[in-house]
Amino acid sequence: MKRIIIEGNQILSGTINISGAKNSAVALIPAAILCDEEITINNVPNISDIDALQEILTYLGAIVKRDNNSITIDSSKIENKEVPEAISKKLRASYYFMSSLLGKYNFVEMYFPGGCSIGARPIDQTLKGYRMLGANVLEEGNKFTISADELVGSTIDLAMPSVGATVNSILVAVKAKGTTVINNAAREPEISNLVDLLNKMGAKISGAGTSSITIEGVDYLHSAQIEVIPDRIEAGTYVIAGALVGDNLKVNNVIPNHFQSLIDKLIEMGANIIVNEDDIIISKIENGNSINVKTLGFPGFATDLQQPLTTLLTKLNGKSILEETIYENRFQNVPYLNKMGANIEIKDRTIIVSGPTKLIGTTVEATDLRAGACLVLAGLAAEGITTVNKVEYVLRGYENIIEKLSSVGAKIKIEEYNEVA
């Protein structure tokens, strides 16, 4: 296992370059198998989630070539066979393959996907989309067998603007006969990135970035290239790091309006922040104002930034209130922050953060990807040494996190360790 060790309270100054978006790349890669030619995806982050997706591609028989941050995928000779639980459970996004295989072959066998334990995360809306397009869904324990004599366009009214259900519905509908309309669709930038690729491949999709997406089914998808957009969650995490311990920390290669909700909250706190076209410069907040935050689908405050933000809330004056509306189990970071000296109370799906409090380094544990990022930030701001165990979760979503933070002044390292039973 791996752990990150941080000597805290160091000033961060310099430039951090943001990588391609994890949440885009993990949808773009499964989408590639809808094509019978070669797809090239550039600006792909070098993270463990991408390794897990490559494992599935290789298992299915795709020819995959990775060169630095580019991946080329030739799916012309893949075999549609059952995707075993041993590889599907490694990440939530593996279920995008379920949709791509169903869309391409009208049949798929696959086990329920894995990922972080941040809540129930049901796939009922995804299964609803399959059924609306004419598929039969058989659930046997963790295994799904989904088949259709023919996929036919339909209207899919999502109960909530779920990113996963929106992506899955798009992937299945691209080759379905006729027109599909997805209402109450998620509006996240990563969905627009996916649609850009599919349209370059010859799909006919309109409305990405709005709550209604229309898909005209096509018979064939051809070769194309796409660049992964900058990772707005990685960018937001490092901007928060700058608000904690920065001195003109520059976060480069960003699209600010992709995380405008965070920028607005930082301004509300009283942050010293300069927002440029493709970079943000930020310094440590002094005597910051407490705020209220509620997570929502895009363009609202991203649930993936809620946990990293919680570290910063401990440094503000007064009581900040944060409500989590997306996932019911996304406060697993809170007991560890309290162990470090924070004063945070959990009430159902809301936390009350009283500050400012001093954080003291200790041993903590990453329970999921963004909780791990939260604790790394806490270690950067704490006095003394912080050890974050089980950081494999963090490595799922942050490319070269040790190198990036070290380059701007953090005293941080990663090492192997054996967990004591």
Protein backbone atom coordinates (compact mmCIF):
# COMPACT_ATOMS: atom_id res chain seq x y z
CA MET A 1 0.00 0.00 0.00
CA LYS A 2 1.02 3.61 -0.41
CA ARG A 3 0.98 6.60 1.91
CA ILE A 4 1.78 10.28 1.52
CA ILE A 5 3.87 12.04 4.17
CA ILE A 6 3.68 15.84 4.39
CA GLU A 7 5.67 18.30 6.46
CA GLY A 8 3.09 21.04 6.71
CA ASN A 9 2.84 24.79 6.85
CA GLN A 10 5.13 25.40 3.86
CA ILE A 11 4.39 28.30 1.53
CA LEU A 12 3.42 27.27 -2.01
CA SER A 13 4.66 29.55 -4.75
CA GLY A 14 5.25 28.98 -8.45
CA THR A 15 3.15 27.30 -11.15
CA ILE A 16 1.13 24.11 -11.22
CA ASN A 17 0.01 22.91 -14.65
CA ILE A 18 -3.37 21.18 -14.72
CA SER A 19 -3.76 17.81 -16.45
CA GLY A 20 -6.56 16.47 -18.59
CA ALA A 21 -9.85 15.83 -16.82
CA LYS A 22 -10.23 12.40 -15.24
CA ASN A 23 -14.01 12.58 -15.53
CA SER A 24 -13.74 13.28 -19.27
CA ALA A 25 -11.09 10.71 -20.06
CA VAL A 26 -12.96 7.90 -18.32
CA ALA A 27 -15.96 8.52 -20.63
CA LEU A 28 -13.99 9.18 -23.83
CA ILE A 29 -12.03 5.92 -23.65
CA PRO A 30 -15.08 3.60 -23.47
CA ALA A 31 -16.76 5.69 -26.19
CA ALA A 32 -13.89 4.79 -28.53
CA ILE A 33 -15.08 1.20 -28.89
CA LEU A 34 -18.24 2.39 -30.66
CA CYS A 35 -15.90 3.10 -33.59
CA ASP A 36 -14.61 0.40 -35.94
CA GLU A 37 -11.60 2.51 -36.81
CA GLU A 38 -8.85 4.18 -34.79
CA ILE A 39 -9.49 6.83 -32.14
CA THR A 40 -6.78 9.07 -30.65
CA ILE A 41 -7.33 10.88 -27.35
CA ASN A 42 -4.79 13.52 -26.33
CA ASN A 43 -4.09 15.16 -22.95
CA VAL A 44 -5.03 11.96 -21.09
CA PRO A 45 -3.94 12.07 -17.42
CA ASN A 46 -1.52 9.39 -16.28
CA ILE A 47 -3.60 8.07 -13.39
CA SER A 48 -4.61 4.62 -12.19
CA ASP A 49 -8.20 4.94 -13.46
CA ILE A 50 -6.84 5.12 -17.01
CA ASP A 51 -4.75 2.00 -16.38
CA ALA A 52 -7.92 0.19 -15.25
CA LEU A 53 -9.80 1.25 -18.41
CA GLN A 54 -6.88 0.12 -20.57
CA GLU A 55 -7.06 -3.26 -18.86
CA ILE A 56 -10.68 -3.63 -19.96
CA LEU A 57 -9.86 -2.53 -23.52
CA THR A 58 -7.04 -5.05 -23.74
CA TYR A 59 -9.23 -7.80 -22.29
CA LEU A 60 -11.80 -7.12 -25.03
CA GLY A 61 -9.12 -7.33 -27.71
CA ALA A 62 -8.63 -3.68 -28.60
CA ILE A 63 -5.20 -2.56 -29.77
CA VAL A 64 -4.10 0.18 -27.38
CA LYS A 65 -1.04 2.39 -27.70
CA ARG A 66 -0.06 4.99 -25.08
CA ASP A 67 2.54 7.64 -25.75
CA ASN A 68 3.08 10.18 -22.98
CA ASN A 69 -0.40 11.67 -22.52
CA SER A 70 -1.97 10.29 -25.70
CA ILE A 71 -3.83 7.04 -26.18
CA THR A 72 -4.74 5.44 -29.51
CA ILE A 73 -7.45 2.79 -29.56
CA ASP A 74 -8.25 0.42 -32.43
CA SER A 75 -11.46 -1.46 -31.65
CA SER A 76 -11.98 -3.01 -35.08
CA LYS A 77 -11.31 -6.53 -33.82
CA ILE A 78 -12.70 -6.48 -30.30
CA GLU A 79 -14.68 -9.41 -28.94
CA ASN A 80 -17.92 -8.74 -27.10
CA LYS A 81 -17.46 -11.01 -24.11
CA GLU A 82 -18.42 -10.92 -20.46
CA VAL A 83 -16.41 -8.32 -18.54
CA PRO A 84 -15.46 -10.04 -15.26
CA GLU A 85 -15.97 -8.51 -11.85
CA ALA A 86 -12.24 -8.55 -11.10
CA ILE A 87 -11.66 -5.72 -13.57
CA SER A 88 -15.04 -3.98 -13.67
CA LYS A 89 -14.97 -3.33 -9.92
CA LYS A 90 -11.83 -1.21 -10.09
CA LEU A 91 -13.70 1.98 -10.97
CA ARG A 92 -17.21 3.32 -11.32
CA ALA A 93 -16.64 4.43 -14.93
CA SER A 94 -16.27 0.82 -16.08
CA TYR A 95 -20.04 0.86 -16.65
CA TYR A 96 -19.51 3.17 -19.60
CA PHE A 97 -18.21 0.06 -21.36
CA MET A 98 -21.54 -1.58 -20.60
CA SER A 99 -23.23 1.16 -22.62
CA SER A 100 -20.70 1.20 -25.47
CA LEU A 101 -20.88 -2.57 -25.91
CA LEU A 102 -24.67 -2.52 -25.77
CA GLY A 103 -24.76 0.34 -28.27
CA LYS A 104 -22.41 -1.47 -30.64
CA TYR A 105 -23.62 -5.07 -30.37
CA ASN A 106 -27.13 -4.85 -28.80
CA PHE A 107 -25.84 -7.18 -26.10
CA VAL A 108 -23.55 -6.98 -23.07
CA GLU A 109 -22.68 -9.04 -19.99
CA MET A 110 -20.93 -7.18 -17.20
CA TYR A 111 -20.65 -6.96 -13.44
CA PHE A 112 -21.68 -3.93 -11.40
CA PRO A 113 -18.91 -1.30 -11.38
CA GLY A 114 -16.79 -0.32 -8.40
CA GLY A 115 -15.18 2.97 -7.36
CA CYS A 116 -15.23 5.07 -4.21
CA SER A 117 -17.62 4.32 -1.34
CA ILE A 118 -19.31 7.71 -1.22
CA GLY A 119 -22.92 6.58 -1.23
CA ALA A 120 -25.40 4.20 -2.82
CA ARG A 121 -24.78 5.56 -6.33
CA PRO A 122 -27.52 3.45 -7.92
CA ILE A 123 -27.61 2.91 -11.67
CA ASP A 124 -31.40 2.84 -11.94
CA GLN A 125 -31.47 5.88 -14.25
CA THR A 126 -28.93 4.23 -16.56
CA LEU A 127 -31.03 1.06 -16.66
CA LYS A 128 -34.13 3.17 -17.32
CA GLY A 129 -32.37 4.63 -20.36
CA TYR A 130 -31.52 1.16 -21.66
CA ARG A 131 -35.11 0.02 -21.28
CA MET A 132 -36.51 3.14 -22.97
CA LEU A 133 -34.34 2.32 -26.00
CA GLY A 134 -35.74 -1.21 -26.19
CA ALA A 135 -33.27 -3.27 -24.14
CA ASN A 136 -34.10 -6.03 -21.71
CA VAL A 137 -32.17 -5.91 -18.43
CA LEU A 138 -31.52 -9.06 -16.40
CA GLU A 139 -29.95 -8.59 -12.96
CA GLU A 140 -28.42 -11.61 -11.23
CA GLY A 141 -26.67 -10.47 -8.08
CA ASN A 142 -23.88 -8.18 -9.26
CA LYS A 143 -24.12 -9.32 -12.88
CA PHE A 144 -26.08 -7.56 -15.61
CA THR A 145 -27.08 -9.19 -18.88
CA ILE A 146 -28.57 -6.61 -21.24
CA SER A 147 -29.88 -7.37 -24.71
CA ALA A 148 -32.02 -5.88 -27.44
CA ASP A 149 -33.35 -7.20 -30.73
CA GLU A 150 -33.03 -3.62 -31.89
CA LEU A 151 -32.22 -0.32 -30.15
CA VAL A 152 -34.75 2.32 -31.12
CA GLY A 153 -34.66 6.02 -30.26
CA SER A 154 -36.99 7.26 -27.55
CA THR A 155 -37.48 10.02 -25.01
CA ILE A 156 -35.56 9.46 -21.76
CA ASP A 157 -36.70 11.62 -18.85
CA LEU A 158 -34.07 11.39 -16.14
CA ALA A 159 -35.29 11.73 -12.56
CA MET A 160 -32.19 13.77 -11.76
CA PRO A 161 -29.41 15.27 -13.93
CA SER A 162 -27.05 12.36 -13.35
CA VAL A 163 -23.73 12.57 -15.20
CA GLY A 164 -23.42 8.79 -15.38
CA ALA A 165 -26.95 8.24 -16.66
CA THR A 166 -26.54 11.03 -19.22
CA VAL A 167 -23.26 9.60 -20.54
CA ASN A 168 -24.65 6.07 -20.65
CA SER A 169 -27.82 7.13 -22.45
CA ILE A 170 -25.76 9.00 -25.05
CA LEU A 171 -23.46 6.04 -25.65
CA VAL A 172 -26.36 3.61 -26.18
CA ALA A 173 -28.39 6.01 -28.34
CA VAL A 174 -25.63 6.98 -30.80
CA LYS A 175 -26.28 3.95 -33.04
CA ALA A 176 -29.94 3.41 -32.15
CA LYS A 177 -32.47 3.81 -34.95
CA GLY A 178 -34.28 7.13 -35.00
CA THR A 179 -34.18 10.02 -32.56
CA THR A 180 -33.45 9.97 -28.84
CA VAL A 181 -34.09 12.92 -26.55
CA ILE A 182 -32.59 13.00 -23.06
CA ASN A 183 -34.46 15.39 -20.79
CA ASN A 184 -33.11 16.67 -17.47
CA ALA A 185 -29.65 15.81 -18.79
CA ALA A 186 -26.53 16.68 -16.85
CA ARG A 187 -24.77 19.80 -18.15
CA GLU A 188 -21.19 19.15 -17.02
CA PRO A 189 -18.33 20.18 -19.36
CA GLU A 190 -17.13 16.58 -19.47
CA ILE A 191 -20.35 15.62 -21.28
CA SER A 192 -19.71 18.31 -23.89
CA ASN A 193 -16.19 16.88 -24.33
CA LEU A 194 -17.67 13.42 -24.94
CA VAL A 195 -20.21 14.75 -27.43
CA ASP A 196 -17.44 16.59 -29.28
CA LEU A 197 -15.63 13.28 -29.80
CA LEU A 198 -18.74 11.41 -30.89
CA ASN A 199 -19.70 14.15 -33.36
CA LYS A 200 -16.17 14.10 -34.78
CA MET A 201 -16.69 10.36 -35.27
CA GLY A 202 -19.85 11.07 -37.28
CA ALA A 203 -22.55 11.07 -34.61
CA LYS A 204 -25.39 13.60 -34.77
CA ILE A 205 -25.81 14.99 -31.27
CA SER A 206 -27.02 18.43 -30.27
CA GLY A 207 -27.77 20.17 -26.99
CA ALA A 208 -24.69 19.20 -24.96
CA GLY A 209 -24.29 21.68 -22.12
CA THR A 210 -28.06 22.11 -21.85
CA SER A 211 -30.68 20.05 -20.03
CA SER A 212 -32.02 18.54 -23.26
CA ILE A 213 -29.79 16.48 -25.57
CA THR A 214 -30.97 15.18 -28.93
CA ILE A 215 -29.32 12.25 -30.70
CA GLU A 216 -30.03 11.18 -34.28
CA GLY A 217 -28.88 7.59 -34.61
CA VAL A 218 -26.20 6.73 -37.18
CA ASP A 219 -24.97 3.41 -38.59
CA TYR A 220 -21.24 4.02 -38.66
CA LEU A 221 -18.65 5.94 -36.64
CA HIS A 222 -15.25 6.69 -38.16
CA SER A 223 -11.78 7.63 -36.98
CA ALA A 224 -11.32 10.87 -35.01
CA GLN A 225 -9.12 12.71 -32.52
CA ILE A 226 -10.05 14.64 -29.39
CA GLU A 227 -8.25 16.51 -26.63
CA VAL A 228 -9.33 16.00 -23.04
CA ILE A 229 -10.40 19.27 -21.42
CA PRO A 230 -8.46 20.53 -18.36
CA ASP A 231 -9.48 18.89 -15.10
CA ARG A 232 -11.68 21.39 -13.26
CA ILE A 233 -11.61 19.33 -10.05
CA GLU A 234 -7.81 19.07 -10.02
CA ALA A 235 -7.66 22.80 -10.77
CA GLY A 236 -10.08 23.59 -7.96
CA THR A 237 -8.12 21.43 -5.53
CA TYR A 238 -4.88 23.31 -6.21
CA VAL A 239 -6.64 26.68 -6.12
CA ILE A 240 -7.89 25.72 -2.65
CA ALA A 241 -4.31 24.78 -1.74
CA GLY A 242 -3.29 28.31 -2.74
CA ALA A 243 -6.04 29.78 -0.58
CA LEU A 244 -4.65 27.75 2.34
CA VAL A 245 -0.88 28.25 2.03
CA GLY A 246 -0.19 30.04 -1.25
CA ASP A 247 1.91 33.06 -2.11
CA ASN A 248 0.90 34.03 -5.64
CA LEU A 249 0.45 30.36 -6.53
CA LYS A 250 -0.37 30.11 -10.24
CA VAL A 251 -2.71 27.34 -11.36
CA ASN A 252 -2.20 27.11 -15.12
CA ASN A 253 -4.09 25.52 -18.04
CA VAL A 254 -7.57 25.98 -16.62
CA ILE A 255 -10.98 26.98 -17.94
CA PRO A 256 -12.21 29.22 -15.10
CA ASN A 257 -15.90 29.11 -15.99
CA HIS A 258 -15.78 25.33 -15.54
CA PHE A 259 -15.47 25.94 -11.78
CA GLN A 260 -16.90 29.43 -11.45
CA SER A 261 -18.95 28.33 -8.45
CA LEU A 262 -15.72 27.75 -6.48
CA ILE A 263 -14.24 31.06 -7.63
CA ASP A 264 -17.40 32.85 -6.48
CA LYS A 265 -17.14 31.25 -3.03
CA LEU A 266 -13.46 32.18 -2.72
CA ILE A 267 -14.30 35.78 -3.54
CA GLU A 268 -17.09 35.65 -0.94
CA MET A 269 -14.51 34.50 1.63
CA GLY A 270 -12.31 37.46 0.79
CA ALA A 271 -9.65 35.61 -1.18
CA ASN A 272 -6.77 37.37 -2.90
CA ILE A 273 -7.43 35.86 -6.33
CA ILE A 274 -6.68 36.93 -9.90
CA VAL A 275 -8.63 35.12 -12.62
CA ASN A 276 -7.12 35.23 -16.11
CA GLU A 277 -8.22 33.58 -19.34
CA ASP A 278 -6.42 30.27 -18.70
CA ASP A 279 -4.81 30.62 -15.28
CA ILE A 280 -5.59 31.65 -11.71
CA ILE A 281 -3.20 33.28 -9.23
CA ILE A 282 -4.10 32.96 -5.57
CA SER A 283 -2.57 33.59 -2.14
CA LYS A 284 -3.37 32.52 1.40
CA ILE A 285 -6.63 33.91 2.76
CA GLU A 286 -6.21 35.97 5.93
CA ASN A 287 -9.23 36.59 8.20
CA GLY A 288 -11.58 34.94 5.73
CA ASN A 289 -15.36 35.17 6.01
CA SER A 290 -17.42 32.05 6.73
CA ILE A 291 -19.71 30.93 3.91
CA ASN A 292 -22.62 28.62 3.09
CA VAL A 293 -22.24 26.03 0.34
CA LYS A 294 -24.68 23.60 -1.30
CA THR A 295 -23.51 21.02 -3.82
CA LEU A 296 -25.47 20.85 -7.06
CA GLY A 297 -25.07 19.63 -10.60
CA PHE A 298 -23.18 21.89 -12.99
CA PRO A 299 -23.03 24.90 -13.02
CA GLY A 300 -23.62 24.63 -9.26
CA PHE A 301 -20.94 23.83 -6.71
CA ALA A 302 -19.33 20.50 -7.65
CA THR A 303 -19.71 17.65 -5.16
CA ASP A 304 -16.14 16.60 -6.05
CA LEU A 305 -14.82 19.89 -4.63
CA GLN A 306 -16.88 19.74 -1.45
CA GLN A 307 -14.41 17.63 0.51
CA PRO A 308 -11.29 19.60 -0.53
CA LEU A 309 -13.13 22.84 0.31
CA THR A 310 -13.90 21.59 3.83
CA THR A 311 -10.22 21.94 4.78
CA LEU A 312 -10.32 25.62 3.82
CA LEU A 313 -13.54 26.18 5.79
CA THR A 314 -11.65 25.29 8.99
CA LYS A 315 -9.57 28.46 8.50
CA LEU A 316 -12.46 30.91 8.14
CA ASN A 317 -13.94 33.08 10.88
CA GLY A 318 -17.27 31.87 12.25
CA LYS A 319 -19.51 29.00 11.20
CA SER A 320 -19.62 27.75 7.63
CA ILE A 321 -22.47 25.46 6.59
CA LEU A 322 -21.99 22.93 3.79
CA GLU A 323 -24.86 20.83 2.45
CA GLU A 324 -24.18 17.76 0.30
CA THR A 325 -27.13 17.01 -2.01
CA ILE A 326 -25.55 14.51 -4.43
CA TYR A 327 -24.07 11.68 -2.32
CA GLU A 328 -25.20 10.67 1.15
CA ASN A 329 -21.87 9.28 2.35
CA ARG A 330 -19.43 12.02 1.44
CA PHE A 331 -18.32 13.19 4.89
CA GLN A 332 -15.91 10.34 5.65
CA ASN A 333 -13.11 12.90 5.69
CA VAL A 334 -14.66 14.81 8.61
CA PRO A 335 -13.59 12.54 11.52
CA TYR A 336 -9.99 12.76 10.30
CA LEU A 337 -10.14 16.55 10.02
CA ASN A 338 -11.49 16.65 13.58
CA LYS A 339 -8.65 14.37 14.64
CA MET A 340 -6.29 17.02 13.24
CA GLY A 341 -7.97 19.75 15.29
CA ALA A 342 -10.94 20.88 13.22
CA ASN A 343 -14.31 21.61 14.79
CA ILE A 344 -16.86 20.07 12.45
CA GLU A 345 -20.31 18.76 13.30
CA ILE A 346 -22.25 16.42 11.00
CA LYS A 347 -26.05 16.76 10.86
CA ASP A 348 -27.53 14.36 8.30
CA ARG A 349 -26.26 15.64 4.92
CA THR A 350 -24.95 18.94 6.29
CA ILE A 351 -21.76 19.85 8.11
CA ILE A 352 -21.17 22.88 10.32
CA VAL A 353 -17.55 24.00 10.35
CA SER A 354 -16.55 26.35 13.18
CA GLY A 355 -13.34 28.27 12.71
CA PRO A 356 -10.69 29.27 12.58
CA THR A 357 -8.98 26.21 14.04
CA LYS A 358 -5.34 25.13 14.00
CA LEU A 359 -4.65 21.85 12.24
CA ILE A 360 -1.99 19.57 13.73
CA GLY A 361 -0.33 16.81 11.73
CA THR A 362 -1.19 13.19 12.57
CA THR A 363 -1.94 9.89 10.83
CA VAL A 364 -5.14 9.85 8.77
CA GLU A 365 -6.64 7.67 6.04
CA ALA A 366 -8.04 8.34 2.58
CA THR A 367 -11.46 6.71 2.41
CA ASP A 368 -12.16 7.83 -1.16
CA LEU A 369 -10.61 9.96 -3.88
CA ARG A 370 -11.75 13.44 -2.85
CA ALA A 371 -11.56 12.69 0.87
CA GLY A 372 -7.93 11.83 0.25
CA ALA A 373 -7.41 15.15 -1.55
CA CYS A 374 -9.01 16.93 1.41
CA LEU A 375 -6.56 15.29 3.81
CA VAL A 376 -3.55 16.11 1.62
CA LEU A 377 -4.67 19.75 1.71
CA ALA A 378 -5.05 19.50 5.48
CA GLY A 379 -1.51 18.16 5.70
CA LEU A 380 -0.21 21.08 3.65
CA ALA A 381 -1.86 23.54 6.07
CA ALA A 382 -1.12 21.68 9.32
CA GLU A 383 1.72 22.11 11.76
CA GLY A 384 4.04 19.12 11.93
CA ILE A 385 3.93 15.85 10.01
CA THR A 386 0.79 14.40 8.44
CA THR A 387 0.68 10.84 7.13
CA VAL A 388 -2.17 9.99 4.75
CA ASN A 389 -2.60 6.23 4.41
CA LYS A 390 -4.31 4.36 1.55
CA VAL A 391 -3.54 7.06 -1.01
CA GLU A 392 -4.21 4.68 -3.90
CA TYR A 393 -7.56 6.48 -3.93
CA VAL A 394 -5.82 9.82 -4.49
CA LEU A 395 -3.70 8.40 -7.31
CA ARG A 396 -6.91 7.46 -9.12
CA GLY A 397 -7.58 11.12 -9.87
CA TYR A 398 -4.49 13.32 -9.48
CA GLU A 399 -1.66 12.98 -11.99
CA ASN A 400 1.82 13.48 -10.53
CA ILE A 401 0.45 15.02 -7.33
CA ILE A 402 3.74 14.62 -5.45
CA GLU A 403 5.80 16.18 -8.23
CA LYS A 404 3.37 19.05 -8.77
CA LEU A 405 3.19 20.01 -5.10
CA SER A 406 6.94 19.54 -4.56
CA SER A 407 7.66 21.86 -7.49
CA VAL A 408 5.91 24.76 -5.73
CA GLY A 409 7.47 24.29 -2.31
CA ALA A 410 5.58 21.51 -0.53
CA LYS A 411 7.58 19.04 1.54
CA ILE A 412 5.78 15.90 0.48
CA LYS A 413 6.72 12.35 -0.43
CA ILE A 414 5.08 9.02 -1.15
CA GLU A 415 6.20 5.63 0.11
CA GLU A 416 5.13 2.02 0.35
CA TYR A 417 4.00 0.56 3.67
CA ASN A 418 2.48 -2.60 5.05
CA GLU A 419 -0.84 -2.25 6.84
CA VAL A 420 -0.84 -3.73 10.32
CA ALA A 421 -3.81 -6.04 10.90
